[in-house]
N, C-alpha and C. Protein backbone atom coordinates (compact mmCIF):
# COMPACT_ATOMS: atom_id res chain seq x y z
N MET A 1 54.95 177.03 100.01
CA MET A 1 55.85 176.89 98.87
C MET A 1 55.05 176.37 97.67
N SER A 2 55.18 176.99 96.54
CA SER A 2 54.49 176.54 95.34
C SER A 2 55.32 175.47 94.66
N SER A 3 54.65 174.46 94.06
CA SER A 3 55.34 173.39 93.37
C SER A 3 54.92 173.38 91.92
N ARG A 4 55.90 173.20 91.04
CA ARG A 4 55.64 173.12 89.62
C ARG A 4 56.50 172.03 89.04
N ASN A 5 56.08 171.44 87.96
CA ASN A 5 56.89 170.43 87.30
C ASN A 5 57.82 171.08 86.30
N LEU A 6 59.07 170.69 86.33
CA LEU A 6 59.99 171.14 85.29
C LEU A 6 59.56 170.54 83.98
N ASP A 7 59.75 171.28 82.87
CA ASP A 7 59.27 170.82 81.58
C ASP A 7 60.22 169.79 80.99
N THR A 8 60.33 168.67 81.69
CA THR A 8 61.10 167.55 81.21
C THR A 8 60.38 166.29 81.61
N ALA A 9 60.39 165.28 80.72
CA ALA A 9 59.67 164.06 81.00
C ALA A 9 60.36 163.22 82.05
N GLU A 10 61.69 163.38 82.17
CA GLU A 10 62.45 162.50 83.04
C GLU A 10 62.52 162.98 84.48
N LYS A 11 62.52 164.31 84.70
CA LYS A 11 62.82 164.82 86.03
C LYS A 11 61.71 165.72 86.54
N THR A 12 61.45 165.60 87.85
CA THR A 12 60.53 166.50 88.52
C THR A 12 61.20 166.95 89.81
N VAL A 13 61.22 168.26 90.05
CA VAL A 13 61.81 168.78 91.29
C VAL A 13 60.83 169.73 91.93
N VAL A 14 61.02 169.97 93.20
CA VAL A 14 60.20 170.96 93.90
C VAL A 14 60.72 172.34 93.56
N TRP A 15 59.85 173.19 93.04
CA TRP A 15 60.24 174.53 92.62
C TRP A 15 59.67 175.56 93.59
N SER A 16 60.41 176.60 93.82
CA SER A 16 59.96 177.69 94.67
C SER A 16 60.29 179.00 94.00
N ASP A 17 59.46 180.03 94.27
CA ASP A 17 59.74 181.35 93.71
C ASP A 17 61.09 181.87 94.15
N SER A 18 61.58 181.41 95.31
CA SER A 18 62.86 181.91 95.81
C SER A 18 64.03 181.39 94.98
N VAL A 19 63.82 180.34 94.17
CA VAL A 19 64.90 179.81 93.34
C VAL A 19 65.37 180.87 92.36
N GLY A 20 64.44 181.54 91.69
CA GLY A 20 64.80 182.61 90.78
C GLY A 20 65.52 183.74 91.49
N GLN A 21 65.09 184.02 92.71
CA GLN A 21 65.74 185.08 93.49
C GLN A 21 67.16 184.67 93.85
N ARG A 22 67.38 183.40 94.14
CA ARG A 22 68.72 182.93 94.46
C ARG A 22 69.63 183.00 93.24
N LEU A 23 69.09 182.68 92.07
CA LEU A 23 69.88 182.78 90.85
C LEU A 23 70.28 184.23 90.59
N ARG A 24 69.33 185.14 90.76
CA ARG A 24 69.64 186.56 90.55
C ARG A 24 70.67 187.04 91.57
N GLN A 25 70.52 186.59 92.81
CA GLN A 25 71.46 186.96 93.88
C GLN A 25 72.87 186.49 93.53
N ARG A 26 72.96 185.24 93.05
CA ARG A 26 74.26 184.68 92.68
C ARG A 26 74.87 185.44 91.50
N ARG A 27 74.01 185.79 90.53
CA ARG A 27 74.51 186.54 89.36
C ARG A 27 75.06 187.90 89.80
N LYS A 28 74.39 188.54 90.75
CA LYS A 28 74.86 189.84 91.23
C LYS A 28 76.19 189.69 91.98
N VAL A 29 76.31 188.61 92.78
CA VAL A 29 77.56 188.36 93.49
C VAL A 29 78.71 188.17 92.50
N LYS A 30 78.43 187.47 91.39
CA LYS A 30 79.44 187.25 90.36
C LYS A 30 79.64 188.47 89.47
N ARG A 31 78.82 189.50 89.68
CA ARG A 31 78.89 190.76 88.94
C ARG A 31 78.76 190.53 87.43
N LEU A 32 77.72 189.76 87.07
CA LEU A 32 77.43 189.48 85.67
C LEU A 32 76.12 190.13 85.25
N SER A 33 76.08 190.65 84.06
CA SER A 33 74.82 191.15 83.50
C SER A 33 74.04 189.97 82.93
N LEU A 34 72.75 190.17 82.66
CA LEU A 34 71.96 189.12 82.04
C LEU A 34 72.55 188.74 80.67
N LYS A 35 73.05 189.74 79.96
CA LYS A 35 73.64 189.48 78.64
C LYS A 35 74.86 188.59 78.76
N GLU A 36 75.71 188.86 79.75
CA GLU A 36 76.91 188.05 79.95
C GLU A 36 76.56 186.63 80.37
N LEU A 37 75.57 186.50 81.27
CA LEU A 37 75.16 185.18 81.71
C LEU A 37 74.51 184.40 80.57
N ALA A 38 73.77 185.09 79.72
CA ALA A 38 73.15 184.44 78.56
C ALA A 38 74.22 183.84 77.65
N ALA A 39 75.29 184.58 77.42
CA ALA A 39 76.37 184.08 76.56
C ALA A 39 77.08 182.90 77.20
N MET A 40 77.26 182.94 78.52
CA MET A 40 77.97 181.87 79.21
C MET A 40 77.14 180.60 79.33
N SER A 41 75.81 180.75 79.45
CA SER A 41 74.94 179.60 79.66
C SER A 41 74.28 179.10 78.38
N ASP A 42 74.44 179.87 77.28
CA ASP A 42 73.82 179.52 76.00
C ASP A 42 72.30 179.52 76.09
N LEU A 43 71.77 180.43 76.92
CA LEU A 43 70.33 180.63 77.04
C LEU A 43 70.01 182.08 76.68
N SER A 44 68.76 182.35 76.37
CA SER A 44 68.39 183.70 75.96
C SER A 44 68.26 184.63 77.17
N ILE A 45 68.49 185.91 76.92
CA ILE A 45 68.33 186.91 77.98
C ILE A 45 66.89 186.90 78.49
N GLY A 46 65.95 186.77 77.58
CA GLY A 46 64.54 186.77 77.96
C GLY A 46 64.19 185.63 78.90
N LEU A 47 64.70 184.43 78.58
CA LEU A 47 64.41 183.28 79.44
C LEU A 47 65.04 183.45 80.81
N LEU A 48 66.28 183.92 80.85
CA LEU A 48 66.95 184.13 82.13
C LEU A 48 66.20 185.15 82.99
N SER A 49 65.73 186.21 82.36
CA SER A 49 64.98 187.23 83.08
C SER A 49 63.69 186.64 83.65
N GLN A 50 63.01 185.83 82.86
CA GLN A 50 61.76 185.20 83.32
C GLN A 50 62.01 184.23 84.47
N ILE A 51 63.12 183.49 84.40
CA ILE A 51 63.46 182.56 85.47
C ILE A 51 63.72 183.31 86.77
N GLU A 52 64.49 184.40 86.68
CA GLU A 52 64.82 185.18 87.87
C GLU A 52 63.57 185.79 88.49
N ARG A 53 62.61 186.18 87.65
CA ARG A 53 61.38 186.81 88.16
C ARG A 53 60.31 185.80 88.54
N GLY A 54 60.60 184.51 88.35
CA GLY A 54 59.64 183.49 88.71
C GLY A 54 58.50 183.34 87.73
N VAL A 55 58.66 183.94 86.53
CA VAL A 55 57.60 183.89 85.51
C VAL A 55 57.66 182.58 84.74
N SER A 56 58.88 182.06 84.56
CA SER A 56 59.07 180.84 83.78
C SER A 56 59.79 179.79 84.61
N THR A 57 59.39 178.54 84.45
CA THR A 57 60.06 177.42 85.10
C THR A 57 60.96 176.74 84.08
N PRO A 58 62.26 176.71 84.31
CA PRO A 58 63.18 176.17 83.30
C PRO A 58 63.20 174.64 83.30
N SER A 59 63.69 174.07 82.22
CA SER A 59 63.95 172.64 82.19
C SER A 59 65.14 172.35 83.08
N LEU A 60 65.28 171.10 83.47
CA LEU A 60 66.41 170.72 84.30
C LEU A 60 67.73 171.00 83.59
N ARG A 61 67.76 170.77 82.29
CA ARG A 61 68.97 171.03 81.52
C ARG A 61 69.33 172.52 81.54
N SER A 62 68.31 173.39 81.37
CA SER A 62 68.56 174.83 81.39
C SER A 62 69.07 175.27 82.76
N LEU A 63 68.47 174.69 83.81
CA LEU A 63 68.89 175.04 85.16
C LEU A 63 70.34 174.63 85.39
N MET A 64 70.72 173.47 84.88
CA MET A 64 72.10 173.01 85.01
C MET A 64 73.06 173.94 84.27
N GLN A 65 72.65 174.42 83.10
CA GLN A 65 73.49 175.33 82.32
C GLN A 65 73.72 176.64 83.08
N VAL A 66 72.66 177.15 83.70
CA VAL A 66 72.77 178.40 84.46
C VAL A 66 73.70 178.21 85.66
N CYS A 67 73.50 177.10 86.39
CA CYS A 67 74.31 176.85 87.58
C CYS A 67 75.78 176.66 87.21
N GLN A 68 76.04 175.99 86.10
CA GLN A 68 77.43 175.82 85.66
C GLN A 68 78.05 177.17 85.31
N ALA A 69 77.29 178.02 84.65
CA ALA A 69 77.80 179.35 84.28
C ALA A 69 78.06 180.20 85.52
N LEU A 70 77.25 180.00 86.56
CA LEU A 70 77.40 180.77 87.79
C LEU A 70 78.33 180.10 88.79
N ASP A 71 78.91 178.95 88.40
CA ASP A 71 79.85 178.23 89.26
C ASP A 71 79.22 177.90 90.61
N MET A 72 78.05 177.26 90.57
CA MET A 72 77.34 176.90 91.79
C MET A 72 76.65 175.56 91.60
N PRO A 73 76.63 174.70 92.63
CA PRO A 73 75.88 173.44 92.52
C PRO A 73 74.39 173.71 92.60
N MET A 74 73.59 172.89 91.93
CA MET A 74 72.15 173.08 91.93
C MET A 74 71.56 172.97 93.33
N SER A 75 72.22 172.22 94.20
CA SER A 75 71.68 172.02 95.55
C SER A 75 71.52 173.34 96.30
N TRP A 76 72.34 174.35 95.95
CA TRP A 76 72.22 175.65 96.61
C TRP A 76 70.85 176.27 96.38
N LEU A 77 70.22 175.91 95.28
CA LEU A 77 68.92 176.51 94.96
C LEU A 77 67.79 175.94 95.79
N PHE A 78 67.95 174.71 96.25
CA PHE A 78 66.84 174.02 96.88
C PHE A 78 67.04 173.75 98.35
N ASP A 79 68.21 174.06 98.90
CA ASP A 79 68.43 173.93 100.34
C ASP A 79 67.84 175.13 101.05
N ARG A 80 67.19 174.88 102.17
CA ARG A 80 66.72 175.95 103.06
C ARG A 80 65.82 176.94 102.34
N VAL A 81 64.91 176.45 101.52
CA VAL A 81 63.97 177.35 100.86
C VAL A 81 62.85 177.69 101.84
N GLU A 82 62.67 178.95 102.13
CA GLU A 82 61.71 179.37 103.14
C GLU A 82 60.38 179.76 102.52
N ASP A 83 59.31 179.55 103.31
CA ASP A 83 57.99 179.98 102.88
C ASP A 83 57.74 181.44 103.23
N ASP A 84 58.33 181.87 104.32
CA ASP A 84 58.05 183.20 104.84
C ASP A 84 58.97 184.23 104.19
N GLU A 85 58.38 185.23 103.56
CA GLU A 85 59.16 186.28 102.89
C GLU A 85 60.11 186.96 103.86
N SER A 86 59.69 187.12 105.12
CA SER A 86 60.52 187.84 106.08
C SER A 86 61.78 187.06 106.44
N GLU A 87 61.80 185.73 106.18
CA GLU A 87 62.95 184.93 106.55
C GLU A 87 64.03 184.92 105.49
N ARG A 88 63.77 185.53 104.35
CA ARG A 88 64.73 185.44 103.25
C ARG A 88 65.92 186.36 103.45
N GLU A 89 65.85 187.27 104.38
CA GLU A 89 67.00 188.13 104.66
C GLU A 89 67.35 188.02 106.14
N MET A 90 67.38 186.81 106.62
CA MET A 90 67.75 186.57 108.01
C MET A 90 69.22 186.92 108.24
N PRO A 91 69.53 187.64 109.32
CA PRO A 91 70.92 188.01 109.58
C PRO A 91 71.73 186.87 110.19
N VAL A 92 71.09 185.81 110.63
CA VAL A 92 71.77 184.72 111.33
C VAL A 92 71.87 183.50 110.42
N VAL A 93 73.06 182.88 110.40
CA VAL A 93 73.26 181.61 109.68
C VAL A 93 73.54 180.54 110.73
N ARG A 94 72.61 179.60 110.90
CA ARG A 94 72.81 178.52 111.85
C ARG A 94 73.86 177.55 111.31
N MET A 95 74.51 176.85 112.22
CA MET A 95 75.60 175.96 111.83
C MET A 95 75.15 174.94 110.79
N ASP A 96 73.93 174.40 110.96
CA ASP A 96 73.46 173.38 110.03
C ASP A 96 72.92 173.96 108.73
N GLN A 97 72.97 175.30 108.59
CA GLN A 97 72.49 175.95 107.38
C GLN A 97 73.63 176.46 106.50
N ARG A 98 74.84 176.25 106.92
CA ARG A 98 75.97 176.77 106.15
C ARG A 98 76.09 176.09 104.79
N ARG A 99 76.46 176.87 103.79
CA ARG A 99 76.84 176.28 102.51
C ARG A 99 78.27 175.77 102.62
N ARG A 100 78.52 174.61 102.08
CA ARG A 100 79.86 174.03 102.16
C ARG A 100 80.38 173.75 100.76
N MET A 101 81.62 174.13 100.53
CA MET A 101 82.30 173.85 99.27
C MET A 101 83.46 172.91 99.59
N ASN A 102 83.36 171.68 99.11
CA ASN A 102 84.41 170.69 99.34
C ASN A 102 85.31 170.64 98.13
N LEU A 103 86.47 171.26 98.24
CA LEU A 103 87.42 171.31 97.13
C LEU A 103 88.39 170.15 97.26
N GLY A 104 87.87 168.95 97.01
CA GLY A 104 88.65 167.74 97.24
C GLY A 104 90.01 167.76 96.57
N SER A 105 90.05 168.20 95.32
CA SER A 105 91.32 168.22 94.59
C SER A 105 92.30 169.21 95.18
N GLY A 106 91.79 170.26 95.84
CA GLY A 106 92.67 171.27 96.44
C GLY A 106 92.98 171.00 97.89
N GLY A 107 92.39 169.92 98.46
CA GLY A 107 92.66 169.59 99.85
C GLY A 107 92.11 170.62 100.81
N MET A 108 90.86 171.08 100.54
CA MET A 108 90.34 172.18 101.34
C MET A 108 88.81 172.10 101.40
N VAL A 109 88.25 172.54 102.53
CA VAL A 109 86.80 172.69 102.68
C VAL A 109 86.53 174.15 103.05
N LYS A 110 85.54 174.75 102.39
CA LYS A 110 85.15 176.12 102.71
C LYS A 110 83.69 176.14 103.17
N ASP A 111 83.44 176.71 104.36
CA ASP A 111 82.09 176.93 104.85
C ASP A 111 81.78 178.42 104.71
N ILE A 112 80.62 178.72 104.12
CA ILE A 112 80.19 180.12 104.00
C ILE A 112 79.44 180.48 105.28
N LEU A 113 79.96 181.41 106.05
CA LEU A 113 79.40 181.75 107.35
C LEU A 113 78.41 182.91 107.31
N SER A 114 78.50 183.75 106.31
CA SER A 114 77.62 184.92 106.23
C SER A 114 76.40 184.62 105.37
N PRO A 115 75.29 185.35 105.55
CA PRO A 115 74.08 185.11 104.76
C PRO A 115 74.31 185.35 103.27
N ASP A 116 73.65 184.57 102.43
CA ASP A 116 73.82 184.68 100.99
C ASP A 116 73.37 186.04 100.45
N TRP A 117 72.39 186.67 101.10
CA TRP A 117 71.83 187.91 100.54
C TRP A 117 72.73 189.12 100.78
N ILE A 118 73.79 188.96 101.58
CA ILE A 118 74.76 190.04 101.78
C ILE A 118 75.85 189.88 100.72
N SER A 119 75.91 190.79 99.78
CA SER A 119 76.91 190.70 98.71
C SER A 119 78.10 191.62 98.92
N GLU A 120 78.01 192.53 99.90
CA GLU A 120 79.09 193.49 100.12
C GLU A 120 80.28 192.87 100.85
N ILE A 121 80.03 191.81 101.61
CA ILE A 121 81.11 191.16 102.37
C ILE A 121 80.74 189.70 102.53
N GLN A 122 81.77 188.87 102.70
CA GLN A 122 81.51 187.44 102.90
C GLN A 122 82.50 186.89 103.92
N LEU A 123 81.98 186.14 104.88
CA LEU A 123 82.79 185.53 105.92
C LEU A 123 82.82 184.02 105.69
N MET A 124 84.02 183.44 105.75
CA MET A 124 84.17 182.01 105.46
C MET A 124 85.07 181.35 106.50
N ARG A 125 84.91 180.05 106.61
CA ARG A 125 85.80 179.21 107.42
C ARG A 125 86.47 178.23 106.47
N PHE A 126 87.80 178.28 106.43
CA PHE A 126 88.56 177.36 105.60
C PHE A 126 89.18 176.29 106.51
N VAL A 127 89.11 175.05 106.08
CA VAL A 127 89.91 173.98 106.68
C VAL A 127 90.79 173.44 105.57
N ILE A 128 92.09 173.68 105.69
CA ILE A 128 93.05 173.26 104.66
C ILE A 128 93.79 172.04 105.20
N PHE A 129 93.68 170.94 104.50
CA PHE A 129 94.29 169.69 104.95
C PHE A 129 95.78 169.70 104.60
N PRO A 130 96.58 168.88 105.29
CA PRO A 130 98.01 168.83 104.99
C PRO A 130 98.26 168.62 103.49
N GLY A 131 99.09 169.46 102.91
CA GLY A 131 99.35 169.40 101.48
C GLY A 131 98.36 170.18 100.64
N GLY A 132 97.28 170.68 101.27
CA GLY A 132 96.26 171.45 100.54
C GLY A 132 96.73 172.86 100.24
N ARG A 133 96.24 173.39 99.14
CA ARG A 133 96.64 174.74 98.73
C ARG A 133 95.55 175.34 97.85
N SER A 134 95.60 176.66 97.71
CA SER A 134 94.62 177.37 96.88
C SER A 134 94.87 177.15 95.41
N GLY A 135 96.09 176.82 95.02
CA GLY A 135 96.43 176.61 93.63
C GLY A 135 97.90 176.90 93.40
N ASP A 136 98.41 176.43 92.29
CA ASP A 136 99.82 176.66 91.98
C ASP A 136 100.06 178.08 91.45
N SER A 137 99.04 178.66 90.83
CA SER A 137 99.16 180.02 90.29
C SER A 137 98.43 181.01 91.19
N PRO A 138 98.99 182.20 91.40
CA PRO A 138 98.33 183.20 92.24
C PRO A 138 97.00 183.64 91.64
N ALA A 139 96.09 184.06 92.51
CA ALA A 139 94.80 184.61 92.11
C ALA A 139 94.75 186.08 92.48
N GLN A 140 93.80 186.80 91.92
CA GLN A 140 93.57 188.19 92.30
C GLN A 140 92.17 188.59 91.87
N HIS A 141 91.65 189.66 92.44
CA HIS A 141 90.34 190.18 92.10
C HIS A 141 90.45 191.70 91.95
N PRO A 142 89.62 192.28 91.10
CA PRO A 142 89.81 193.70 90.76
C PRO A 142 89.50 194.68 91.88
N THR A 143 88.60 194.30 92.79
CA THR A 143 88.20 195.26 93.83
C THR A 143 88.12 194.58 95.18
N GLY A 144 88.10 195.39 96.24
CA GLY A 144 87.87 194.87 97.57
C GLY A 144 89.13 194.54 98.33
N ALA A 145 88.96 193.77 99.40
CA ALA A 145 90.07 193.40 100.27
C ALA A 145 89.79 192.04 100.89
N LYS A 146 90.83 191.47 101.48
CA LYS A 146 90.73 190.18 102.14
C LYS A 146 91.46 190.25 103.47
N CYS A 147 90.93 189.55 104.46
CA CYS A 147 91.59 189.50 105.74
C CYS A 147 91.19 188.22 106.45
N GLY A 148 91.93 187.86 107.49
CA GLY A 148 91.60 186.65 108.21
C GLY A 148 92.46 186.43 109.42
N THR A 149 92.17 185.33 110.10
CA THR A 149 92.95 184.94 111.27
C THR A 149 93.05 183.42 111.29
N VAL A 150 94.18 182.91 111.75
CA VAL A 150 94.41 181.47 111.80
C VAL A 150 93.97 180.96 113.18
N LEU A 151 93.00 180.04 113.18
CA LEU A 151 92.50 179.47 114.44
C LEU A 151 93.36 178.31 114.91
N SER A 152 93.88 177.52 113.96
CA SER A 152 94.73 176.40 114.33
C SER A 152 95.62 176.04 113.16
N GLY A 153 96.73 175.38 113.44
CA GLY A 153 97.67 175.03 112.40
C GLY A 153 98.49 176.22 111.95
N THR A 154 99.14 176.08 110.80
CA THR A 154 100.00 177.14 110.26
C THR A 154 99.68 177.35 108.79
N LEU A 155 99.52 178.61 108.42
CA LEU A 155 99.15 178.98 107.05
C LEU A 155 100.34 179.59 106.33
N GLY A 156 100.61 179.13 105.12
CA GLY A 156 101.55 179.80 104.25
C GLY A 156 100.78 180.75 103.34
N LEU A 157 101.21 181.99 103.25
CA LEU A 157 100.50 183.00 102.46
C LEU A 157 101.50 183.77 101.61
N GLU A 158 101.26 183.80 100.31
CA GLU A 158 102.10 184.57 99.40
C GLU A 158 101.29 185.74 98.85
N ILE A 159 101.83 186.95 99.00
CA ILE A 159 101.18 188.17 98.51
C ILE A 159 102.17 188.91 97.63
N ASP A 160 101.85 189.03 96.36
CA ASP A 160 102.73 189.72 95.40
C ASP A 160 104.16 189.21 95.48
N GLY A 161 104.30 187.88 95.54
CA GLY A 161 105.62 187.26 95.51
C GLY A 161 106.32 187.15 96.85
N GLN A 162 105.77 187.80 97.88
CA GLN A 162 106.38 187.73 99.22
C GLN A 162 105.66 186.67 100.05
N GLU A 163 106.41 185.73 100.61
CA GLU A 163 105.81 184.66 101.38
C GLU A 163 105.82 184.99 102.87
N TYR A 164 104.73 184.59 103.55
CA TYR A 164 104.58 184.82 104.98
C TYR A 164 104.15 183.51 105.65
N VAL A 165 104.60 183.31 106.89
CA VAL A 165 104.14 182.20 107.71
C VAL A 165 103.18 182.77 108.75
N ILE A 166 101.92 182.34 108.70
CA ILE A 166 100.89 182.85 109.60
C ILE A 166 100.61 181.77 110.65
N ASN A 167 101.00 182.02 111.88
CA ASN A 167 100.83 181.05 112.95
C ASN A 167 99.46 181.17 113.62
N GLN A 168 99.15 180.22 114.48
CA GLN A 168 97.89 180.26 115.22
C GLN A 168 97.73 181.59 115.96
N ASN A 169 96.54 182.18 115.82
CA ASN A 169 96.15 183.46 116.43
C ASN A 169 96.75 184.68 115.72
N ASP A 170 97.60 184.49 114.70
CA ASP A 170 98.04 185.61 113.87
C ASP A 170 96.92 185.99 112.90
N SER A 171 96.98 187.20 112.40
CA SER A 171 95.97 187.66 111.43
C SER A 171 96.66 188.36 110.27
N PHE A 172 95.89 188.65 109.22
CA PHE A 172 96.45 189.24 108.00
C PHE A 172 95.36 190.01 107.26
N ALA A 173 95.80 190.87 106.36
CA ALA A 173 94.88 191.61 105.49
C ALA A 173 95.66 192.10 104.27
N PHE A 174 94.99 192.15 103.13
CA PHE A 174 95.62 192.67 101.91
C PHE A 174 94.54 193.05 100.91
N ARG A 175 94.93 193.89 99.96
CA ARG A 175 93.98 194.32 98.93
C ARG A 175 93.76 193.20 97.93
N ALA A 176 92.52 193.08 97.45
CA ALA A 176 92.16 191.97 96.57
C ALA A 176 92.91 192.00 95.25
N ARG A 177 93.38 193.18 94.82
CA ARG A 177 94.09 193.25 93.54
C ARG A 177 95.50 192.68 93.63
N SER A 178 95.96 192.38 94.85
CA SER A 178 97.27 191.73 95.01
C SER A 178 97.20 190.30 94.48
N GLN A 179 98.31 189.82 93.96
CA GLN A 179 98.39 188.43 93.54
C GLN A 179 98.66 187.59 94.79
N TYR A 180 97.83 186.58 95.03
CA TYR A 180 97.98 185.83 96.28
C TYR A 180 97.71 184.34 96.07
N ARG A 181 98.27 183.55 96.95
CA ARG A 181 97.94 182.13 97.07
C ARG A 181 98.25 181.71 98.50
N PHE A 182 97.72 180.57 98.92
CA PHE A 182 97.94 180.13 100.31
C PHE A 182 97.93 178.61 100.39
N TRP A 183 98.46 178.08 101.49
CA TRP A 183 98.58 176.64 101.65
C TRP A 183 98.76 176.30 103.12
N ALA A 184 98.54 175.02 103.46
CA ALA A 184 98.78 174.55 104.83
C ALA A 184 100.24 174.16 104.97
N ILE A 185 100.84 174.56 106.09
CA ILE A 185 102.22 174.21 106.39
C ILE A 185 102.23 173.10 107.44
N GLY A 186 103.02 172.07 107.20
CA GLY A 186 103.16 171.00 108.19
C GLY A 186 102.16 169.88 108.01
N ASP A 187 102.06 169.05 109.05
CA ASP A 187 101.24 167.83 108.99
C ASP A 187 99.89 167.99 109.66
N GLU A 188 99.55 169.19 110.09
CA GLU A 188 98.26 169.42 110.75
C GLU A 188 97.32 170.21 109.84
N GLU A 189 96.02 170.00 110.07
CA GLU A 189 95.03 170.82 109.37
C GLU A 189 95.20 172.28 109.79
N CYS A 190 94.92 173.16 108.87
CA CYS A 190 94.96 174.60 109.16
C CYS A 190 93.55 175.16 109.05
N GLU A 191 93.06 175.73 110.12
CA GLU A 191 91.72 176.31 110.14
C GLU A 191 91.83 177.83 110.14
N VAL A 192 91.15 178.46 109.20
CA VAL A 192 91.26 179.91 109.01
C VAL A 192 89.86 180.53 108.91
N ILE A 193 89.65 181.64 109.58
CA ILE A 193 88.47 182.47 109.32
C ILE A 193 88.90 183.54 108.34
N TRP A 194 88.20 183.62 107.20
CA TRP A 194 88.63 184.44 106.07
C TRP A 194 87.47 185.32 105.65
N ALA A 195 87.70 186.61 105.52
CA ALA A 195 86.66 187.54 105.09
C ALA A 195 87.09 188.23 103.80
N VAL A 196 86.13 188.45 102.90
CA VAL A 196 86.42 189.11 101.63
C VAL A 196 85.36 190.16 101.34
N THR A 197 85.79 191.21 100.66
CA THR A 197 84.85 192.20 100.12
C THR A 197 85.18 192.42 98.66
N PRO A 198 84.16 192.40 97.78
CA PRO A 198 82.78 191.94 98.02
C PRO A 198 82.74 190.42 98.06
N ALA A 199 81.53 189.87 98.22
CA ALA A 199 81.36 188.41 98.28
C ALA A 199 81.81 187.77 96.97
N LEU A 200 82.35 186.56 97.07
CA LEU A 200 82.86 185.84 95.90
C LEU A 200 81.97 184.66 95.52
N TYR A 201 81.33 184.01 96.51
CA TYR A 201 80.62 182.77 96.25
C TYR A 201 79.13 182.89 96.53
C-alpha cells in the first residue's frame, strides 16, 4: 500500500490508490457524472477525475466534500483496503467486513451483504427496532426492483398506498418505481433480508 500525506497541515491519513477507485465506484452506484458530482461537492471536474485515477491526493476538506456529496462516511474509503489487485473484486463478503449503516434516528441498522464492486444488485440485512421506520413519506427509485424476506418479527410494508403485514418467513417483491415505505410492527425487532436492483449504497 502506498502512503502519501494529505495536503493539510493538521491531518495525515493513510492513502491508497484504491481510495480513488472506491470513490469512482460509489459515484457510479449513485449514477452521477463527474460534472454532477463537481456541482454537488463544489470541486472541479478535473480534480475529481485526478482523485479517481489516483493522480492527485486531495485535502481532507476536499475528501469530506466528496463523501458528503456521495452520501457516504469517509471510513468506507479506508476500511479493508487491499494490497493485492486480485482481491479488489472478491465475490465473498466476510461477516466482519460488512459495511454497516446505523440509522439511529430511523430506528434501523442496515448491513451491506454484497460486494461493493457489484453495482447491478445489492443484498442487505435490515434490523428495524420497535417503532423504527423508513420514513414518514414514501420513497421510490426510477429503475429496478426490490424484494425480500422477513427472518424474524413483523414488517409493515406500504406499496402505492396499499399496506401489507409481512410475517416471519413471508416474502415480497415490487418495482422500484412504486411509492413505498416500511416499518416494524409490534414490540420485537424485525430482521429482513432485502435485495435491490441496481445497488443504492
